Amino acid sequence: MIQYGVFVFDGHFDIPVAAALNHVQKSQNLLAAKQLEPALAEAQTAVSLAPNSVDTQLMLGDVLSAMGQPASARSAYEKALELAQTIEPDFQIRRLPGIQQRLASLGQ
């Protein structure tokens, strides 16, 4: 209630993305603690909630890379790169160098 009036929100909140980012954070913490299997599970959950999020794809790629699975990591990084270039590219352009660097670190 604001100034004795009731305002109604006419829109939506994208809750799956918010939930996915929580799983990304958990995955980052687990990866930092070298708990790779639980980190992978959190990253996979994040991707299942928000498959079109650059952050979820990057986290999955980071975990897979740490697990010594470069082909799978490359797939996640390539998806992140595609998303950064196509979904709000003006906003996400700053993400491109980091994604490209991750792909380059995997080699061929």
Protein backbone atom coordinates (compact mmCIF):
# COMPACT_ATOMS: atom_id res chain seq x y z
CA MET A 1 0.00 0.00 0.00
CA ILE A 2 1.39 3.40 -1.00
CA GLN A 3 -0.41 6.57 0.07
CA TYR A 4 -3.52 4.55 0.91
CA GLY A 5 -3.65 3.07 -2.58
CA VAL A 6 -3.21 -0.51 -3.66
CA PHE A 7 -1.01 -1.06 -6.68
CA VAL A 8 -1.13 -4.21 -8.75
CA PHE A 9 1.91 -5.55 -10.57
CA ASP A 10 0.98 -6.44 -14.15
CA GLY A 11 3.91 -8.51 -15.35
CA HIS A 12 5.96 -11.52 -14.41
CA PHE A 13 9.06 -12.44 -12.53
CA ASP A 14 11.35 -14.98 -14.14
CA ILE A 15 11.83 -17.12 -11.04
CA PRO A 16 13.64 -20.03 -12.78
CA VAL A 17 16.52 -17.72 -13.72
CA ALA A 18 16.80 -16.45 -10.14
CA ALA A 19 16.77 -20.02 -8.86
CA ALA A 20 19.35 -21.04 -11.46
CA LEU A 21 21.72 -18.29 -10.35
CA ASN A 22 21.51 -19.63 -6.81
CA HIS A 23 22.65 -23.01 -8.12
CA VAL A 24 25.44 -21.30 -10.09
CA GLN A 25 26.70 -19.73 -6.87
CA LYS A 26 26.57 -23.07 -5.06
CA SER A 27 28.43 -24.70 -7.93
CA GLN A 28 31.12 -21.99 -7.84
CA ASN A 29 31.61 -22.53 -4.11
CA LEU A 30 31.83 -26.30 -4.53
CA LEU A 31 34.24 -25.96 -7.45
CA ALA A 32 36.47 -23.67 -5.38
CA ALA A 33 36.45 -26.35 -2.66
CA LYS A 34 37.43 -28.99 -5.27
CA GLN A 35 34.15 -30.88 -4.72
CA LEU A 36 33.67 -31.59 -8.40
CA GLU A 37 30.77 -34.06 -8.40
CA PRO A 38 28.48 -31.87 -6.27
CA ALA A 39 29.59 -28.83 -8.29
CA LEU A 40 28.58 -30.64 -11.47
CA ALA A 41 25.18 -31.53 -10.03
CA GLU A 42 24.54 -27.89 -9.08
CA ALA A 43 25.67 -26.66 -12.51
CA GLN A 44 23.43 -29.18 -14.26
CA THR A 45 20.49 -28.10 -12.11
CA ALA A 46 21.20 -24.48 -13.01
CA VAL A 47 21.22 -25.32 -16.73
CA SER A 48 17.99 -27.30 -16.43
CA LEU A 49 16.31 -24.27 -14.83
CA ALA A 50 17.73 -21.69 -17.24
CA PRO A 51 19.28 -23.29 -20.32
CA ASN A 52 19.42 -19.95 -22.14
CA SER A 53 21.53 -18.22 -19.49
CA VAL A 54 25.14 -17.39 -20.23
CA ASP A 55 25.97 -17.79 -16.54
CA THR A 56 24.58 -21.31 -16.25
CA GLN A 57 26.35 -22.49 -19.39
CA LEU A 58 29.64 -20.95 -18.29
CA MET A 59 29.41 -22.60 -14.89
CA LEU A 60 28.72 -25.97 -16.48
CA GLY A 61 31.70 -25.47 -18.79
CA ASP A 62 33.95 -24.48 -15.90
CA VAL A 63 33.06 -27.58 -13.91
CA LEU A 64 33.42 -29.90 -16.88
CA SER A 65 36.79 -28.34 -17.71
CA ALA A 66 37.95 -28.87 -14.12
CA MET A 67 36.82 -32.48 -14.37
CA GLY A 68 39.01 -33.05 -17.43
CA GLN A 69 36.13 -33.22 -19.92
CA PRO A 70 37.21 -30.67 -22.55
CA ALA A 71 34.76 -31.77 -25.27
CA SER A 72 31.77 -31.37 -22.97
CA ALA A 73 33.16 -28.11 -21.59
CA ARG A 74 33.60 -26.80 -25.14
CA SER A 75 29.94 -27.55 -25.88
CA ALA A 76 28.80 -25.53 -22.85
CA TYR A 77 31.18 -22.66 -23.65
CA GLU A 78 30.04 -22.58 -27.28
CA LYS A 79 26.42 -22.41 -26.10
CA ALA A 80 27.36 -19.53 -23.75
CA LEU A 81 29.10 -17.73 -26.62
CA GLU A 82 26.08 -18.16 -28.89
CA LEU A 83 23.76 -16.86 -26.17
CA ALA A 84 25.99 -13.86 -25.44
CA GLN A 85 26.00 -12.98 -29.13
CA THR A 86 22.25 -13.37 -29.68
CA ILE A 87 20.38 -12.56 -26.45
CA GLU A 88 20.80 -8.88 -25.60
CA PRO A 89 24.17 -8.75 -27.40
CA ASP A 90 24.75 -5.07 -26.53
CA PHE A 91 24.43 -5.91 -22.85
CA GLN A 92 26.49 -9.10 -23.00
CA ILE A 93 29.30 -7.99 -25.32
CA ARG A 94 31.60 -7.59 -22.31
CA ARG A 95 31.24 -11.33 -21.72
CA LEU A 96 32.65 -12.36 -25.10
CA PRO A 97 36.40 -12.08 -24.33
CA GLY A 98 36.06 -14.25 -21.20
CA ILE A 99 34.09 -16.91 -23.06
CA GLN A 100 36.52 -16.87 -25.99
CA GLN A 101 39.44 -17.18 -23.57
CA ARG A 102 37.85 -20.25 -21.96
CA LEU A 103 37.35 -21.85 -25.38
CA ALA A 104 40.95 -21.08 -26.37
CA SER A 105 42.24 -22.64 -23.15
CA LEU A 106 40.70 -25.96 -24.21
CA GLY A 107 42.71 -26.07 -27.43
CA GLN A 108 41.43 -28.07 -30.34
